[in-house]
């Protein structure tokens, strides 16, 4: 894979030796240590078994220098794995992180025990936005576990029971969502209100729900669908991005909001890209993406510019100005 050798550690001892080699040749390895952590683990099988919850990965150059690392962790006894990818700052933007991500994807694809990949991202850094976009671009976007300032956040796409053909069959039942469309709209109203107006009264919330139901009915009559992505810090919603897909295959991205305390961390970019990545997999052809931003909203205009869609563009020709976020 490029000029790098990618392999799993066969034992704790072997991985520790890699770690010591990195420390002795590169100096301080704080980022490396924070990614891998010093937990005890056992590697006994090529596939995930009960005795092998963690699998470390290293990328080595032809000269045997450590140029990157990763960690695959099986979450409990589930079929879900968490992935962390790290590349030394001076070696980034050379495709090393992408090579490790592809290595992970191939491994998961051939594993009978794993069907969902999640990724880990450090958020309180100037590169957090690029890291988030890299996680999505590499297909590691099902759930993102953040470290340092934010302990854990969940990202998922809201979807209606009658619309599973668009987004798959897994419903986000961890948040108690019912299968009735009315219950989904009521949940939408509550979540959106927590972002736009946390002090909304119950009567106003009821009016907002009724308004959303009315708009949903109008969308149904025109053959359009609404898709929304929510971001959570533990169980509290901190941001959302929403838009509608018309019968003609035009996706109108209408609103993206992040709570003030969580802004400037790449979440708006992440949610927008998450939506567009999902749209590319729909059975209904998406011919264009339209996003409108007020001229005074310079931060959002900058986000759209960086993502490669400012006013109108073809979904098949989206050019994400990402590089290698790791």
C-alpha atoms as a PDB file:
ATOM      1  CA  UNK A   1       0.000   0.000   0.000  1.00  0.00           C
ATOM      2  CA  UNK A   2       1.988   2.970  -1.260  1.00  0.00           C
ATOM      3  CA  UNK A   3       5.503   2.732   0.187  1.00  0.00           C
ATOM      4  CA  UNK A   4       4.318   1.733   3.642  1.00  0.00           C
ATOM      5  CA  UNK A   5       4.006  -1.644   5.301  1.00  0.00           C
ATOM      6  CA  UNK A   6       0.824  -2.108   7.328  1.00  0.00           C
ATOM      7  CA  UNK A   7       0.489  -4.938   9.799  1.00  0.00           C
ATOM      8  CA  UNK A   8      -1.130  -6.016  13.061  1.00  0.00           C
ATOM      9  CA  UNK A   9       0.879  -6.598  16.212  1.00  0.00           C
ATOM     10  CA  UNK A  10       0.964 -10.277  17.146  1.00  0.00           C
ATOM     11  CA  UNK A  11       1.549  -9.643  20.837  1.00  0.00           C
ATOM     12  CA  UNK A  12       1.727  -6.959  23.480  1.00  0.00           C
ATOM     13  CA  UNK A  13       5.507  -7.360  23.531  1.00  0.00           C
ATOM     14  CA  UNK A  14       5.821  -6.730  19.801  1.00  0.00           C
ATOM     15  CA  UNK A  15       3.671  -3.629  19.960  1.00  0.00           C
ATOM     16  CA  UNK A  16       5.588  -2.305  22.981  1.00  0.00           C
ATOM     17  CA  UNK A  17       8.814  -2.706  21.006  1.00  0.00           C
ATOM     18  CA  UNK A  18       7.323  -0.625  18.187  1.00  0.00           C
ATOM     19  CA  UNK A  19       6.348   2.000  20.723  1.00  0.00           C
ATOM     20  CA  UNK A  20       9.867   2.110  22.182  1.00  0.00           C
ATOM     21  CA  UNK A  21      11.374   2.385  18.692  1.00  0.00           C
ATOM     22  CA  UNK A  22       9.143   5.363  18.003  1.00  0.00           C
ATOM     23  CA  UNK A  23      10.040   7.030  21.317  1.00  0.00           C
ATOM     24  CA  UNK A  24      13.769   6.563  20.766  1.00  0.00           C
ATOM     25  CA  UNK A  25      13.754   7.847  17.197  1.00  0.00           C
ATOM     26  CA  UNK A  26      11.126  10.576  17.341  1.00  0.00           C
ATOM     27  CA  UNK A  27      11.357  11.896  20.900  1.00  0.00           C
ATOM     28  CA  UNK A  28       8.176  12.658  22.827  1.00  0.00           C
ATOM     29  CA  UNK A  29       5.204  10.576  21.729  1.00  0.00           C
ATOM     30  CA  UNK A  30       2.310  12.090  23.655  1.00  0.00           C
ATOM     31  CA  UNK A  31      -0.147  11.844  20.748  1.00  0.00           C
ATOM     32  CA  UNK A  32       0.857   8.244  20.137  1.00  0.00           C
ATOM     33  CA  UNK A  33       0.468   7.325  23.810  1.00  0.00           C
ATOM     34  CA  UNK A  34      -2.929   9.024  24.089  1.00  0.00           C
ATOM     35  CA  UNK A  35      -4.223   7.119  21.066  1.00  0.00           C
ATOM     36  CA  UNK A  36      -3.024   3.676  22.063  1.00  0.00           C
ATOM     37  CA  UNK A  37      -3.299   4.105  25.868  1.00  0.00           C
ATOM     38  CA  UNK A  38      -1.456   1.711  28.134  1.00  0.00           C
ATOM     39  CA  UNK A  39      -4.269  -0.763  28.699  1.00  0.00           C
ATOM     40  CA  UNK A  40      -3.415  -4.446  28.805  1.00  0.00           C
ATOM     41  CA  UNK A  41      -4.636  -6.446  25.831  1.00  0.00           C
ATOM     42  CA  UNK A  42      -4.236  -9.863  24.302  1.00  0.00           C
ATOM     43  CA  UNK A  43      -3.875 -10.675  20.609  1.00  0.00           C
ATOM     44  CA  UNK A  44      -4.507 -14.346  19.967  1.00  0.00           C
ATOM     45  CA  UNK A  45      -6.608 -14.591  16.818  1.00  0.00           C
ATOM     46  CA  UNK A  46      -6.705 -13.130  13.345  1.00  0.00           C
ATOM     47  CA  UNK A  47     -10.367 -12.311  13.870  1.00  0.00           C
ATOM     48  CA  UNK A  48     -12.068 -10.731  16.859  1.00  0.00           C
ATOM     49  CA  UNK A  49     -12.684 -13.245  19.595  1.00  0.00           C
ATOM     50  CA  UNK A  50     -13.503 -12.944  23.253  1.00  0.00           C
ATOM     51  CA  UNK A  51      -9.807 -12.776  24.175  1.00  0.00           C
ATOM     52  CA  UNK A  52      -8.760 -10.137  21.652  1.00  0.00           C
ATOM     53  CA  UNK A  53     -10.703  -6.903  22.218  1.00  0.00           C
ATOM     54  CA  UNK A  54      -7.912  -4.687  20.851  1.00  0.00           C
ATOM     55  CA  UNK A  55      -5.842  -4.830  17.683  1.00  0.00           C
ATOM     56  CA  UNK A  56      -3.017  -2.313  17.240  1.00  0.00           C
ATOM     57  CA  UNK A  57      -1.790  -1.427  13.745  1.00  0.00           C
ATOM     58  CA  UNK A  58       1.468   0.165  12.678  1.00  0.00           C
ATOM     59  CA  UNK A  59       2.551   1.694   9.387  1.00  0.00           C
ATOM     60  CA  UNK A  60       6.287   1.379   8.743  1.00  0.00           C
ATOM     61  CA  UNK A  61       8.390   2.804   5.960  1.00  0.00           C
ATOM     62  CA  UNK A  62      10.714   0.600   3.934  1.00  0.00           C
ATOM     63  CA  UNK A  63      13.449   1.753   6.314  1.00  0.00           C
ATOM     64  CA  UNK A  64      11.435   0.347   9.240  1.00  0.00           C
ATOM     65  CA  UNK A  65      10.653   3.784  10.684  1.00  0.00           C
ATOM     66  CA  UNK A  66       7.266   4.197  12.380  1.00  0.00           C
ATOM     67  CA  UNK A  67       5.179   6.500  10.166  1.00  0.00           C
ATOM     68  CA  UNK A  68       1.723   5.937  11.624  1.00  0.00           C
ATOM     69  CA  UNK A  69      -0.390   3.814  13.926  1.00  0.00           C
ATOM     70  CA  UNK A  70      -3.938   2.766  14.570  1.00  0.00           C
ATOM     71  CA  UNK A  71      -6.001   0.882  17.096  1.00  0.00           C
ATOM     72  CA  UNK A  72      -9.083  -1.245  16.470  1.00  0.00           C
ATOM     73  CA  UNK A  73     -11.108  -1.893  19.603  1.00  0.00           C
ATOM     74  CA  UNK A  74     -14.087  -4.235  19.793  1.00  0.00           C
ATOM     75  CA  UNK A  75     -16.781  -2.603  21.933  1.00  0.00           C
ATOM     76  CA  UNK A  76     -17.881  -5.174  24.502  1.00  0.00           C
ATOM     77  CA  UNK A  77     -19.350  -8.282  22.910  1.00  0.00           C
ATOM     78  CA  UNK A  78     -20.964  -6.343  20.080  1.00  0.00           C
ATOM     79  CA  UNK A  79     -20.288  -6.392  16.357  1.00  0.00           C
ATOM     80  CA  UNK A  80     -19.054  -2.797  16.515  1.00  0.00           C
ATOM     81  CA  UNK A  81     -15.423  -1.675  16.531  1.00  0.00           C
ATOM     82  CA  UNK A  82     -13.919   1.698  17.381  1.00  0.00           C
ATOM     83  CA  UNK A  83     -10.950   2.882  15.336  1.00  0.00           C
ATOM     84  CA  UNK A  84      -8.267   5.438  16.134  1.00  0.00           C
ATOM     85  CA  UNK A  85      -5.735   6.575  13.511  1.00  0.00           C
ATOM     86  CA  UNK A  86      -2.630   8.641  14.199  1.00  0.00           C
ATOM     87  CA  UNK A  87       0.166   9.955  11.969  1.00  0.00           C
ATOM     88  CA  UNK A  88       3.104  12.122  13.165  1.00  0.00           C
ATOM     89  CA  UNK A  89       2.466  15.778  12.410  1.00  0.00           C
ATOM     90  CA  UNK A  90       5.529  16.064  10.180  1.00  0.00           C
ATOM     91  CA  UNK A  91       4.393  13.102   8.042  1.00  0.00           C
ATOM     92  CA  UNK A  92       0.765  14.094   7.483  1.00  0.00           C
ATOM     93  CA  UNK A  93      -0.901  14.811   4.126  1.00  0.00           C
ATOM     94  CA  UNK A  94       0.995  11.975   2.415  1.00  0.00           C
ATOM     95  CA  UNK A  95      -1.811   9.416   2.366  1.00  0.00           C
ATOM     96  CA  UNK A  96      -0.587   7.422   5.379  1.00  0.00           C
ATOM     97  CA  UNK A  97      -3.799   7.919   7.346  1.00  0.00           C
ATOM     98  CA  UNK A  98      -5.883   6.987   4.306  1.00  0.00           C
ATOM     99  CA  UNK A  99      -3.814   3.821   3.851  1.00  0.00           C
ATOM    100  CA  UNK A 100      -4.437   2.812   7.477  1.00  0.00           C
ATOM    101  CA  UNK A 101      -8.163   3.540   7.075  1.00  0.00           C
ATOM    102  CA  UNK A 102      -8.310   1.341   3.967  1.00  0.00           C
ATOM    103  CA  UNK A 103      -6.432  -1.382   5.850  1.00  0.00           C
ATOM    104  CA  UNK A 104      -9.109  -1.198   8.570  1.00  0.00           C
ATOM    105  CA  UNK A 105     -11.948  -1.328   6.034  1.00  0.00           C
ATOM    106  CA  UNK A 106     -10.524  -4.420   4.344  1.00  0.00           C
ATOM    107  CA  UNK A 107     -10.087  -6.117   7.701  1.00  0.00           C
ATOM    108  CA  UNK A 108     -13.647  -5.358   8.797  1.00  0.00           C
ATOM    109  CA  UNK A 109     -15.052  -6.430   5.435  1.00  0.00           C
ATOM    110  CA  UNK A 110     -13.410  -9.848   5.866  1.00  0.00           C
ATOM    111  CA  UNK A 111     -14.453 -10.223   9.501  1.00  0.00           C
ATOM    112  CA  UNK A 112     -17.527 -12.246  10.384  1.00  0.00           C
ATOM    113  CA  UNK A 113     -17.782 -10.514  13.770  1.00  0.00           C
ATOM    114  CA  UNK A 114     -17.802  -6.863  12.711  1.00  0.00           C
ATOM    115  CA  UNK A 115     -20.264  -4.840  10.657  1.00  0.00           C
ATOM    116  CA  UNK A 116     -19.938  -1.285  12.026  1.00  0.00           C
ATOM    117  CA  UNK A 117     -16.858   0.919  12.291  1.00  0.00           C
ATOM    118  CA  UNK A 118     -16.618   3.982  14.518  1.00  0.00           C
ATOM    119  CA  UNK A 119     -13.792   6.481  14.677  1.00  0.00           C
ATOM    120  CA  UNK A 120     -11.980   8.498  17.327  1.00  0.00           C
ATOM    121  CA  UNK A 121     -11.092  12.158  16.881  1.00  0.00           C
ATOM    122  CA  UNK A 122      -9.307  14.671  19.108  1.00  0.00           C
ATOM    123  CA  UNK A 123     -11.334  17.879  18.978  1.00  0.00           C
ATOM    124  CA  UNK A 124      -9.518  20.687  20.757  1.00  0.00           C
ATOM    125  CA  UNK A 125      -6.892  21.268  18.105  1.00  0.00           C
ATOM    126  CA  UNK A 126      -6.609  23.572  15.124  1.00  0.00           C
ATOM    127  CA  UNK A 127      -6.861  20.536  12.833  1.00  0.00           C
ATOM    128  CA  UNK A 128     -10.035  19.097  14.370  1.00  0.00           C
ATOM    129  CA  UNK A 129     -12.206  20.116  11.410  1.00  0.00           C
ATOM    130  CA  UNK A 130      -9.903  18.358   8.939  1.00  0.00           C
ATOM    131  CA  UNK A 131      -9.777  15.308  11.209  1.00  0.00           C
ATOM    132  CA  UNK A 132     -13.576  15.133  11.320  1.00  0.00           C
ATOM    133  CA  UNK A 133     -13.849  15.449   7.551  1.00  0.00           C
ATOM    134  CA  UNK A 134     -11.165  12.800   7.111  1.00  0.00           C
ATOM    135  CA  UNK A 135     -13.172  10.390   9.302  1.00  0.00           C
ATOM    136  CA  UNK A 136     -16.236  10.894   7.112  1.00  0.00           C
ATOM    137  CA  UNK A 137     -14.338  10.785   3.831  1.00  0.00           C
ATOM    138  CA  UNK A 138     -12.730   7.473   4.820  1.00  0.00           C
ATOM    139  CA  UNK A 139     -16.111   5.922   5.598  1.00  0.00           C
ATOM    140  CA  UNK A 140     -15.573   5.929   9.375  1.00  0.00           C
ATOM    141  CA  UNK A 141     -18.583   8.115  10.045  1.00  0.00           C
ATOM    142  CA  UNK A 142     -21.155   5.860  11.735  1.00  0.00           C
ATOM    143  CA  UNK A 143     -20.284   7.250  15.145  1.00  0.00           C
ATOM    144  CA  UNK A 144     -17.479   9.531  16.209  1.00  0.00           C
ATOM    145  CA  UNK A 145     -16.020   9.294  19.694  1.00  0.00           C
ATOM    146  CA  UNK A 146     -14.379  12.559  20.675  1.00  0.00           C
ATOM    147  CA  UNK A 147     -11.669  12.860  23.316  1.00  0.00           C
ATOM    148  CA  UNK A 148     -10.288  15.590  25.577  1.00  0.00           C
ATOM    149  CA  UNK A 149     -12.838  18.425  25.893  1.00  0.00           C
ATOM    150  CA  UNK A 150     -15.866  16.350  24.888  1.00  0.00           C
ATOM    151  CA  UNK A 151     -16.180  12.851  26.289  1.00  0.00           C
ATOM    152  CA  UNK A 152     -18.578  11.311  23.810  1.00  0.00           C
ATOM    153  CA  UNK A 153     -20.891  12.423  21.041  1.00  0.00           C
ATOM    154  CA  UNK A 154     -23.194  10.516  18.738  1.00  0.00           C
ATOM    155  CA  UNK A 155     -23.960  11.378  15.149  1.00  0.00           C
ATOM    156  CA  UNK A 156     -26.794   9.712  13.298  1.00  0.00           C
ATOM    157  CA  UNK A 157     -29.294  10.480  10.592  1.00  0.00           C
ATOM    158  CA  UNK A 158     -32.970  10.720  11.486  1.00  0.00           C
ATOM    159  CA  UNK A 159     -35.132   8.609   9.226  1.00  0.00           C
ATOM    160  CA  UNK A 160     -38.730   7.585   8.995  1.00  0.00           C
ATOM    161  CA  UNK A 161     -39.969   4.005   9.042  1.00  0.00           C
ATOM    162  CA  UNK A 162     -41.428   4.444   5.546  1.00  0.00           C
ATOM    163  CA  UNK A 163     -38.086   5.729   4.254  1.00  0.00           C
ATOM    164  CA  UNK A 164     -35.768   2.895   5.192  1.00  0.00           C
ATOM    165  CA  UNK A 165     -34.990   2.303   1.530  1.00  0.00           C
ATOM    166  CA  UNK A 166     -33.069   5.577   1.590  1.00  0.00           C
ATOM    167  CA  UNK A 167     -31.009   5.238   4.744  1.00  0.00           C
ATOM    168  CA  UNK A 168     -31.043   1.555   5.658  1.00  0.00           C
ATOM    169  CA  UNK A 169     -32.991  -0.317   8.303  1.00  0.00           C
ATOM    170  CA  UNK A 170     -31.239   0.564  11.576  1.00  0.00           C
ATOM    171  CA  UNK A 171     -33.314   2.989  13.647  1.00  0.00           C
ATOM    172  CA  UNK A 172     -31.680   5.067  16.409  1.00  0.00           C
ATOM    173  CA  UNK A 173     -33.709   3.350  19.131  1.00  0.00           C
ATOM    174  CA  UNK A 174     -31.228   4.368  21.841  1.00  0.00           C
ATOM    175  CA  UNK A 175     -33.046   7.687  21.923  1.00  0.00           C
ATOM    176  CA  UNK A 176     -36.465   6.100  22.333  1.00  0.00           C
ATOM    177  CA  UNK A 177     -37.766   6.927  18.871  1.00  0.00           C
ATOM    178  CA  UNK A 178     -41.050   5.348  17.897  1.00  0.00           C
ATOM    179  CA  UNK A 179     -41.854   4.012  14.440  1.00  0.00           C
ATOM    180  CA  UNK A 180     -44.809   6.370  13.948  1.00  0.00           C
ATOM    181  CA  UNK A 181     -44.042   9.382  11.786  1.00  0.00           C
ATOM    182  CA  UNK A 182     -45.819  11.669  14.243  1.00  0.00           C
ATOM    183  CA  UNK A 183     -43.483  10.550  17.012  1.00  0.00           C
ATOM    184  CA  UNK A 184     -40.489  11.264  14.788  1.00  0.00           C
ATOM    185  CA  UNK A 185     -41.717  14.773  14.050  1.00  0.00           C
ATOM    186  CA  UNK A 186     -42.387  15.402  17.740  1.00  0.00           C
ATOM    187  CA  UNK A 187     -38.847  14.276  18.527  1.00  0.00           C
ATOM    188  CA  UNK A 188     -37.535  16.537  15.763  1.00  0.00           C
ATOM    189  CA  UNK A 189     -39.377  19.507  17.255  1.00  0.00           C
ATOM    190  CA  UNK A 190     -37.921  18.857  20.707  1.00  0.00           C
ATOM    191  CA  UNK A 191     -34.361  18.394  19.457  1.00  0.00           C
ATOM    192  CA  UNK A 192     -34.406  21.422  17.170  1.00  0.00           C
ATOM    193  CA  UNK A 193     -35.927  23.562  19.921  1.00  0.00           C
ATOM    194  CA  UNK A 194     -33.069  22.637  22.247  1.00  0.00           C
ATOM    195  CA  UNK A 195     -30.739  24.281  19.729  1.00  0.00           C
ATOM    196  CA  UNK A 196     -32.829  27.243  18.582  1.00  0.00           C
ATOM    197  CA  UNK A 197     -34.790  28.099  21.737  1.00  0.00           C
ATOM    198  CA  UNK A 198     -34.026  26.039  24.876  1.00  0.00           C
ATOM    199  CA  UNK A 199     -36.639  28.003  26.883  1.00  0.00           C
ATOM    200  CA  UNK A 200     -39.529  27.170  24.547  1.00  0.00           C
ATOM    201  CA  UNK A 201     -42.778  26.619  26.460  1.00  0.00           C
ATOM    202  CA  UNK A 202     -44.818  23.428  26.131  1.00  0.00           C
ATOM    203  CA  UNK A 203     -47.561  25.237  24.227  1.00  0.00           C
ATOM    204  CA  UNK A 204     -45.030  26.753  21.812  1.00  0.00           C
ATOM    205  CA  UNK A 205     -43.402  23.335  21.413  1.00  0.00           C
ATOM    206  CA  UNK A 206     -46.810  21.875  20.549  1.00  0.00           C
ATOM    207  CA  UNK A 207     -47.285  24.597  17.920  1.00  0.00           C
ATOM    208  CA  UNK A 208     -43.820  23.887  16.505  1.00  0.00           C
ATOM    209  CA  UNK A 209     -44.636  20.178  16.285  1.00  0.00           C
ATOM    210  CA  UNK A 210     -47.900  20.935  14.480  1.00  0.00           C
ATOM    211  CA  UNK A 211     -46.039  23.187  12.046  1.00  0.00           C
ATOM    212  CA  UNK A 212     -43.478  20.450  11.333  1.00  0.00           C
ATOM    213  CA  UNK A 213     -46.269  17.907  10.765  1.00  0.00           C
ATOM    214  CA  UNK A 214     -47.950  20.319   8.339  1.00  0.00           C
ATOM    215  CA  UNK A 215     -44.704  20.762   6.423  1.00  0.00           C
ATOM    216  CA  UNK A 216     -44.112  16.997   6.393  1.00  0.00           C
ATOM    217  CA  UNK A 217     -47.553  16.522   4.863  1.00  0.00           C
ATOM    218  CA  UNK A 218     -46.732  19.073   2.159  1.00  0.00           C
ATOM    219  CA  UNK A 219     -43.435  17.313   1.422  1.00  0.00           C
ATOM    220  CA  UNK A 220     -45.209  13.960   1.116  1.00  0.00           C
ATOM    221  CA  UNK A 221     -47.675  15.392  -1.393  1.00  0.00           C
ATOM    222  CA  UNK A 222     -44.830  16.660  -3.581  1.00  0.00           C
ATOM    223  CA  UNK A 223     -42.788  13.464  -3.294  1.00  0.00           C
ATOM    224  CA  UNK A 224     -40.041  15.137  -1.249  1.00  0.00           C
ATOM    225  CA  UNK A 225     -38.210  13.825   1.812  1.00  0.00           C
ATOM    226  CA  UNK A 226     -36.497  15.531   4.731  1.00  0.00           C
ATOM    227  CA  UNK A 227     -33.202  14.268   6.160  1.00  0.00           C
ATOM    228  CA  UNK A 228     -31.659  15.491   9.410  1.00  0.00           C
ATOM    229  CA  UNK A 229     -28.392  14.773  11.200  1.00  0.00           C
ATOM    230  CA  UNK A 230     -28.114  15.434  14.945  1.00  0.00           C
ATOM    231  CA  UNK A 231     -24.939  15.643  17.033  1.00  0.00           C
ATOM    232  CA  UNK A 232     -25.052  14.759  20.734  1.00  0.00           C
ATOM    233  CA  UNK A 233     -22.742  15.418  23.657  1.00  0.00           C
ATOM    234  CA  UNK A 234     -23.700  12.367  25.738  1.00  0.00           C
ATOM    235  CA  UNK A 235     -27.539  12.669  25.604  1.00  0.00           C
ATOM    236  CA  UNK A 236     -27.811  16.411  24.945  1.00  0.00           C
ATOM    237  CA  UNK A 237     -28.201  17.594  21.372  1.00  0.00           C
ATOM    238  CA  UNK A 238     -25.651  20.282  20.467  1.00  0.00           C
ATOM    239  CA  UNK A 239     -26.178  20.659  16.725  1.00  0.00           C
ATOM    240  CA  UNK A 240     -28.185  19.629  13.684  1.00  0.00           C
ATOM    241  CA  UNK A 241     -28.197  19.917   9.909  1.00  0.00           C
ATOM    242  CA  UNK A 242     -31.268  19.367   7.767  1.00  0.00           C
ATOM    243  CA  UNK A 243     -32.464  19.521   4.170  1.00  0.00           C
ATOM    244  CA  UNK A 244     -35.050  18.167   1.729  1.00  0.00           C
ATOM    245  CA  UNK A 245     -34.679  15.946  -1.315  1.00  0.00           C
ATOM    246  CA  UNK A 246     -37.183  16.721  -4.077  1.00  0.00           C
ATOM    247  CA  UNK A 247     -38.777  14.365  -6.563  1.00  0.00           C
ATOM    248  CA  UNK A 248     -36.546  15.902  -9.244  1.00  0.00           C
ATOM    249  CA  UNK A 249     -33.423  14.867  -7.324  1.00  0.00           C
ATOM    250  CA  UNK A 250     -32.464  18.284  -5.940  1.00  0.00           C
ATOM    251  CA  UNK A 251     -31.253  18.380  -2.334  1.00  0.00           C
ATOM    252  CA  UNK A 252     -31.957  21.725  -0.669  1.00  0.00           C
ATOM    253  CA  UNK A 253     -29.713  22.082   2.377  1.00  0.00           C
ATOM    254  CA  UNK A 254     -31.759  24.434   4.528  1.00  0.00           C
ATOM    255  CA  UNK A 255     -30.298  24.754   8.021  1.00  0.00           C
ATOM    256  CA  UNK A 256     -27.174  23.907  10.026  1.00  0.00           C
ATOM    257  CA  UNK A 257     -26.879  25.017  13.650  1.00  0.00           C
ATOM    258  CA  UNK A 258     -24.352  24.331  16.429  1.00  0.00           C
ATOM    259  CA  UNK A 259     -24.668  25.523  20.037  1.00  0.00           C
ATOM    260  CA  UNK A 260     -22.310  28.466  20.751  1.00  0.00           C
ATOM    261  CA  UNK A 261     -20.152  26.532  23.210  1.00  0.00           C
ATOM    262  CA  UNK A 262     -19.372  23.905  20.555  1.00  0.00           C
ATOM    263  CA  UNK A 263     -18.747  26.124  17.545  1.00  0.00           C
ATOM    264  CA  UNK A 264     -15.421  26.434  15.693  1.00  0.00           C
ATOM    265  CA  UNK A 265     -14.661  22.753  16.242  1.00  0.00           C
ATOM    266  CA  UNK A 266     -15.565  21.486  12.780  1.00  0.00           C
ATOM    267  CA  UNK A 267     -19.023  20.146  13.679  1.00  0.00           C
ATOM    268  CA  UNK A 268     -20.948  22.180  11.081  1.00  0.00           C
ATOM    269  CA  UNK A 269     -18.608  20.972   8.333  1.00  0.00           C
ATOM    270  CA  UNK A 270     -18.846  17.439   9.665  1.00  0.00           C
ATOM    271  CA  UNK A 271     -22.667  17.368   9.642  1.00  0.00           C
ATOM    272  CA  UNK A 272     -22.904  18.858   6.155  1.00  0.00           C
ATOM    273  CA  UNK A 273     -20.428  16.371   4.737  1.00  0.00           C
ATOM    274  CA  UNK A 274     -22.127  13.525   6.617  1.00  0.00           C
ATOM    275  CA  UNK A 275     -25.422  14.370   4.891  1.00  0.00           C
ATOM    276  CA  UNK A 276     -23.888  14.623   1.438  1.00  0.00           C
ATOM    277  CA  UNK A 277     -21.995  11.357   1.876  1.00  0.00           C
ATOM    278  CA  UNK A 278     -25.281   9.675   2.802  1.00  0.00           C
ATOM    279  CA  UNK A 279     -27.058  11.191  -0.177  1.00  0.00           C
ATOM    280  CA  UNK A 280     -24.531   9.689  -2.563  1.00  0.00           C
ATOM    281  CA  UNK A 281     -25.735   6.215  -1.552  1.00  0.00           C
ATOM    282  CA  UNK A 282     -29.453   6.770  -2.130  1.00  0.00           C
ATOM    283  CA  UNK A 283     -31.362   4.757  -4.702  1.00  0.00           C
ATOM    284  CA  UNK A 284     -33.083   7.882  -5.960  1.00  0.00           C
ATOM    285  CA  UNK A 285     -30.574   9.799  -8.126  1.00  0.00           C
ATOM    286  CA  UNK A 286     -29.458  13.078  -6.543  1.00  0.00           C
ATOM    287  CA  UNK A 287     -28.665  15.382  -9.433  1.00  0.00           C
ATOM    288  CA  UNK A 288     -27.719  18.559  -7.592  1.00  0.00           C
ATOM    289  CA  UNK A 289     -27.164  20.087  -4.173  1.00  0.00           C
ATOM    290  CA  UNK A 290     -28.336  23.608  -3.409  1.00  0.00           C
ATOM    291  CA  UNK A 291     -27.357  25.546  -0.307  1.00  0.00           C
ATOM    292  CA  UNK A 292     -28.244  29.151   0.449  1.00  0.00           C
ATOM    293  CA  UNK A 293     -26.421  31.259   3.025  1.00  0.00           C
ATOM    294  CA  UNK A 294     -27.108  34.812   4.139  1.00  0.00           C
ATOM    295  CA  UNK A 295     -24.339  37.155   2.979  1.00  0.00           C
ATOM    296  CA  UNK A 296     -23.726  38.219   6.576  1.00  0.00           C
ATOM    297  CA  UNK A 297     -23.073  34.631   7.704  1.00  0.00           C
ATOM    298  CA  UNK A 298     -19.403  34.585   6.797  1.00  0.00           C
ATOM    299  CA  UNK A 299     -18.448  31.493   8.862  1.00  0.00           C
ATOM    300  CA  UNK A 300     -21.018  29.317   7.035  1.00  0.00           C
ATOM    301  CA  UNK A 301     -20.033  30.726   3.642  1.00  0.00           C
ATOM    302  CA  UNK A 302     -16.434  29.820   4.487  1.00  0.00           C
ATOM    303  CA  UNK A 303     -17.494  26.278   5.456  1.00  0.00           C
ATOM    304  CA  UNK A 304     -19.339  25.837   2.152  1.00  0.00           C
ATOM    305  CA  UNK A 305     -16.329  27.151   0.253  1.00  0.00           C
ATOM    306  CA  UNK A 306     -13.985  24.744   2.017  1.00  0.00           C
ATOM    307  CA  UNK A 307     -16.307  21.818   1.298  1.00  0.00           C
ATOM    308  CA  UNK A 308     -16.450  22.700  -2.381  1.00  0.00           C
ATOM    309  CA  UNK A 309     -20.138  23.655  -2.692  1.00  0.00           C
ATOM    310  CA  UNK A 310     -21.006  27.325  -2.502  1.00  0.00           C
ATOM    311  CA  UNK A 311     -24.261  27.807  -4.397  1.00  0.00           C
ATOM    312  CA  UNK A 312     -25.038  24.923  -6.716  1.00  0.00           C
ATOM    313  CA  UNK A 313     -23.101  21.857  -7.771  1.00  0.00           C
ATOM    314  CA  UNK A 314     -23.544  18.359  -9.145  1.00  0.00           C
ATOM    315  CA  UNK A 315     -23.591  15.591  -6.539  1.00  0.00           C
ATOM    316  CA  UNK A 316     -21.602  13.369  -8.885  1.00  0.00           C
ATOM    317  CA  UNK A 317     -18.947  16.032  -9.204  1.00  0.00           C
ATOM    318  CA  UNK A 318     -18.601  17.161  -5.596  1.00  0.00           C
ATOM    319  CA  UNK A 319     -14.997  18.025  -4.912  1.00  0.00           C
ATOM    320  CA  UNK A 320     -14.175  17.966  -1.224  1.00  0.00           C
ATOM    321  CA  UNK A 321     -11.124  20.099  -0.476  1.00  0.00           C
ATOM    322  CA  UNK A 322      -9.995  17.741   2.242  1.00  0.00           C
ATOM    323  CA  UNK A 323      -6.533  16.362   1.652  1.00  0.00           C
ATOM    324  CA  UNK A 324      -5.578  13.818   4.281  1.00  0.00           C
ATOM    325  CA  UNK A 325      -7.006  14.993   7.580  1.00  0.00           C
ATOM    326  CA  UNK A 326      -4.669  12.847   9.611  1.00  0.00           C
END
